[in-house]
Amino acid sequence: MNLIAILDNSVLATFMDSGQMDLLDKSRIVFRFFLIPEKVKAEFLNVPPQFLATRQRFADSISIDYGFYRLCTTFDEIVLGILQTTKGIHEGEAQAIAQAQSVMSFYFLLTMKIAKTPLMKDSPHLRTMGTPTLVALLDVAGFLPNAVAVWQTIHQNHGFTYPQLKDAVKNAFLLLGIGHEKKLWQEKTSWKRIFGKPPKKKRLL
């Protein structure tokens, strides 16, 4: 696979804080490498002293030219300027989008909030996929022998809804080039498999 993803701090923090950083490494089955913007790296390291040592070790392993985690330093200055004045978009997210635009490749930005910005809607070559997509990707590919426990941990630390679970599995099928296999779809989108009960139905007003 030649896909490249730009990671947002929310993704890094989610996997780091839940003790699941090895899941990012396993995603090599689809992604050639991950790009981490400088601002995202700074945000990732902006934590209380008791958590800094672990994060610093990871940050020190990030290289510019090689490895699975690479520091991204180029960005589209015009795009960055627009995003810096966009309400609800913080500096790390703004730099991530601006860097994806600069490279002009088919990137996957692993954060969901930025998908709602007008600039992203006008950028069909950029796709946004959240943390659950990475878990679904590995689950569908058979790389998670303890899939239920991983899903529960991610839900506890990150949170996701039933529609987001289905969307994540749909994205995983797309990334892995899998057609709509009904039995596999039903298994991997089963809320009961993960939590032991079906999802709550919305009450009609």
Protein backbone atom coordinates (compact mmCIF):
# COMPACT_ATOMS: atom_id res chain seq x y z
CA MET A 1 0.00 0.00 0.00
CA ASN A 2 1.18 3.55 -0.71
CA LEU A 3 -1.32 5.44 1.42
CA ILE A 4 0.00 8.11 3.74
CA ALA A 5 -1.87 9.58 6.71
CA ILE A 6 -1.39 12.81 8.60
CA LEU A 7 -1.94 12.20 12.29
CA ASP A 8 -3.69 14.64 14.57
CA ASN A 9 -2.80 14.94 18.26
CA SER A 10 -6.18 13.51 19.27
CA VAL A 11 -5.30 10.25 17.54
CA LEU A 12 -1.80 10.03 19.01
CA ALA A 13 -3.07 10.88 22.49
CA THR A 14 -5.91 8.35 22.28
CA PHE A 15 -3.64 5.44 21.42
CA MET A 16 -0.87 6.54 23.78
CA ASP A 17 -3.15 7.08 26.79
CA SER A 18 -4.97 3.78 26.26
CA GLY A 19 -1.71 1.85 25.96
CA GLN A 20 -2.50 0.89 22.37
CA MET A 21 0.38 2.50 20.44
CA ASP A 22 1.21 -0.91 18.98
CA LEU A 23 -2.04 -0.64 16.99
CA LEU A 24 -0.64 2.29 15.04
CA ASP A 25 2.42 0.18 14.19
CA LYS A 26 0.20 -2.64 12.94
CA SER A 27 -1.54 -0.27 10.52
CA ARG A 28 1.51 -0.67 8.26
CA ILE A 29 -0.64 -3.22 6.46
CA VAL A 30 -2.29 -0.26 4.73
CA PHE A 31 -0.25 2.90 5.33
CA ARG A 32 3.28 3.43 4.03
CA PHE A 33 4.01 5.94 6.78
CA PHE A 34 2.39 8.56 9.01
CA LEU A 35 3.18 12.27 8.88
CA ILE A 36 3.09 14.29 12.10
CA PRO A 37 2.95 18.11 11.81
CA GLU A 38 5.33 20.11 14.01
CA LYS A 39 2.42 21.74 15.85
CA VAL A 40 0.85 18.35 16.49
CA LYS A 41 4.12 17.13 17.95
CA ALA A 42 4.25 20.20 20.21
CA GLU A 43 0.65 19.60 21.35
CA PHE A 44 1.42 15.95 21.98
CA LEU A 45 4.26 16.93 24.31
CA ASN A 46 2.24 19.58 26.13
CA VAL A 47 1.30 17.34 29.08
CA PRO A 48 1.99 17.26 32.83
CA PRO A 49 5.55 16.14 33.80
CA GLN A 50 4.44 12.68 34.94
CA PHE A 51 3.31 11.82 31.40
CA LEU A 52 6.04 13.62 29.48
CA ALA A 53 8.80 10.98 29.64
CA THR A 54 6.78 8.35 27.76
CA ARG A 55 5.62 10.81 25.13
CA GLN A 56 9.08 12.29 24.75
CA ARG A 57 10.55 8.89 23.93
CA PHE A 58 8.04 8.49 21.13
CA ALA A 59 8.58 12.05 19.89
CA ASP A 60 12.35 11.49 19.80
CA SER A 61 11.83 8.57 17.42
CA ILE A 62 10.11 10.75 14.81
CA SER A 63 12.34 11.39 11.80
CA ILE A 64 11.93 13.76 8.85
CA ASP A 65 13.17 11.47 6.07
CA TYR A 66 12.62 7.87 7.15
CA GLY A 67 10.70 5.53 9.45
CA PHE A 68 7.00 4.89 9.92
CA TYR A 69 6.49 8.16 11.82
CA ARG A 70 7.82 11.24 10.04
CA LEU A 71 7.82 14.91 10.90
CA CYS A 72 6.04 17.02 8.28
CA THR A 73 7.48 20.51 7.89
CA THR A 74 5.99 21.76 4.56
CA PHE A 75 2.62 23.46 4.32
CA ASP A 76 0.50 25.67 2.10
CA GLU A 77 0.77 29.14 3.66
CA ILE A 78 -2.49 30.43 2.13
CA VAL A 79 -4.47 27.44 3.38
CA LEU A 80 -2.83 27.74 6.79
CA GLY A 81 -3.78 31.41 6.99
CA ILE A 82 -7.42 30.63 6.19
CA LEU A 83 -7.64 27.86 8.75
CA GLN A 84 -5.99 29.89 11.49
CA THR A 85 -8.99 32.20 11.36
CA THR A 86 -11.54 29.37 11.20
CA LYS A 87 -13.53 28.97 14.39
CA GLY A 88 -13.08 25.63 16.15
CA ILE A 89 -9.85 24.64 14.36
CA HIS A 90 -6.75 24.64 16.53
CA GLU A 91 -3.19 25.21 15.32
CA GLY A 92 -2.27 21.55 14.96
CA GLU A 93 -5.32 20.74 12.86
CA ALA A 94 -4.77 23.82 10.71
CA GLN A 95 -1.18 22.84 10.00
CA ALA A 96 -2.17 19.25 9.22
CA ILE A 97 -4.63 20.32 6.52
CA ALA A 98 -2.23 22.91 5.12
CA GLN A 99 0.50 20.29 4.88
CA ALA A 100 -1.79 17.81 3.14
CA GLN A 101 -2.69 20.50 0.60
CA SER A 102 0.99 21.28 0.06
CA VAL A 103 1.88 17.67 -0.72
CA MET A 104 -1.24 17.35 -2.93
CA SER A 105 -1.64 13.64 -2.43
CA PHE A 106 -4.58 11.46 -1.38
CA TYR A 107 -4.19 11.77 2.37
CA PHE A 108 -6.23 10.50 5.25
CA LEU A 109 -6.44 13.00 8.09
CA LEU A 110 -7.28 11.02 11.19
CA THR A 111 -9.57 13.44 12.96
CA MET A 112 -13.26 14.00 12.41
CA LYS A 113 -13.96 17.60 13.45
CA ILE A 114 -11.99 19.12 10.58
CA ALA A 115 -14.14 17.22 8.07
CA LYS A 116 -16.88 19.80 8.63
CA THR A 117 -14.80 22.81 7.61
CA PRO A 118 -15.70 24.43 4.23
CA LEU A 119 -12.11 24.03 3.02
CA MET A 120 -12.17 20.27 3.58
CA LYS A 121 -15.48 19.95 1.75
CA ASP A 122 -13.85 21.63 -1.25
CA SER A 123 -10.88 19.21 -1.14
CA PRO A 124 -12.12 15.88 -2.55
CA HIS A 125 -8.58 14.44 -2.59
CA LEU A 126 -8.48 14.61 1.22
CA ARG A 127 -10.38 12.14 3.36
CA THR A 128 -11.01 12.19 7.10
CA MET A 129 -11.21 9.05 9.15
CA GLY A 130 -11.33 8.86 12.93
CA THR A 131 -9.64 6.64 15.48
CA PRO A 132 -12.31 3.88 15.19
CA THR A 133 -11.33 3.38 11.55
CA LEU A 134 -7.83 2.26 12.54
CA VAL A 135 -9.27 -0.24 15.02
CA ALA A 136 -11.81 -1.49 12.47
CA LEU A 137 -9.05 -1.78 9.88
CA LEU A 138 -7.03 -4.13 12.08
CA ASP A 139 -10.12 -5.98 13.29
CA VAL A 140 -11.39 -6.70 9.78
CA ALA A 141 -7.90 -7.72 8.65
CA GLY A 142 -7.64 -10.22 11.51
CA PHE A 143 -4.80 -8.45 13.33
CA LEU A 144 -6.69 -8.12 16.62
CA PRO A 145 -7.02 -11.44 18.45
CA ASN A 146 -8.33 -9.43 21.44
CA ALA A 147 -10.56 -7.20 19.33
CA VAL A 148 -13.39 -6.92 21.86
CA ALA A 149 -11.04 -5.74 24.63
CA VAL A 150 -9.41 -3.22 22.28
CA TRP A 151 -12.77 -1.82 21.19
CA GLN A 152 -13.86 -1.49 24.81
CA THR A 153 -10.64 0.32 25.76
CA ILE A 154 -10.91 2.72 22.82
CA HIS A 155 -14.55 3.39 23.68
CA GLN A 156 -13.67 4.13 27.29
CA ASN A 157 -10.86 6.53 26.36
CA HIS A 158 -12.16 7.96 23.09
CA GLY A 159 -15.84 7.16 22.77
CA PHE A 160 -17.78 6.29 19.61
CA THR A 161 -21.40 5.67 18.65
CA TYR A 162 -23.00 2.80 16.78
CA PRO A 163 -23.21 4.82 13.53
CA GLN A 164 -19.52 5.69 13.93
CA LEU A 165 -18.70 1.98 14.39
CA LYS A 166 -20.50 1.14 11.15
CA ASP A 167 -18.80 4.01 9.35
CA ALA A 168 -15.41 2.82 10.63
CA VAL A 169 -16.00 -0.71 9.33
CA LYS A 170 -17.16 0.72 6.00
CA ASN A 171 -13.90 2.69 5.77
CA ALA A 172 -11.90 -0.42 6.68
CA PHE A 173 -13.56 -2.37 3.86
CA LEU A 174 -12.66 0.45 1.48
CA LEU A 175 -9.02 0.63 2.57
CA LEU A 176 -8.57 -3.13 2.40
CA GLY A 177 -10.35 -3.44 -0.93
CA ILE A 178 -13.01 -5.76 0.46
CA GLY A 179 -16.43 -5.98 -1.15
CA HIS A 180 -19.58 -5.98 0.95
CA GLU A 181 -19.40 -9.42 2.55
CA LYS A 182 -22.62 -9.66 4.54
CA LYS A 183 -21.42 -12.12 7.19
CA LEU A 184 -18.19 -10.22 7.85
CA TRP A 185 -20.06 -6.90 7.91
CA GLN A 186 -22.59 -8.19 10.45
CA GLU A 187 -19.83 -9.54 12.69
CA LYS A 188 -17.60 -6.47 12.67
CA THR A 189 -20.45 -3.97 13.09
CA SER A 190 -22.05 -5.92 15.94
CA TRP A 191 -22.43 -3.66 19.00
CA LYS A 192 -23.49 -6.73 20.97
CA ARG A 193 -20.19 -8.47 20.16
CA ILE A 194 -18.31 -5.63 21.88
CA PHE A 195 -20.62 -4.62 24.71
CA GLY A 196 -22.81 -7.67 25.23
CA LYS A 197 -26.01 -5.83 24.33
CA PRO A 198 -27.50 -4.14 21.28
CA PRO A 199 -27.20 -0.36 20.89
CA LYS A 200 -29.85 1.83 22.48
CA LYS A 201 -32.56 2.91 20.10
CA LYS A 202 -33.26 6.61 19.78
CA ARG A 203 -36.51 7.71 21.28
CA LEU A 204 -38.97 9.30 18.91
CA LEU A 205 -40.10 12.77 19.99
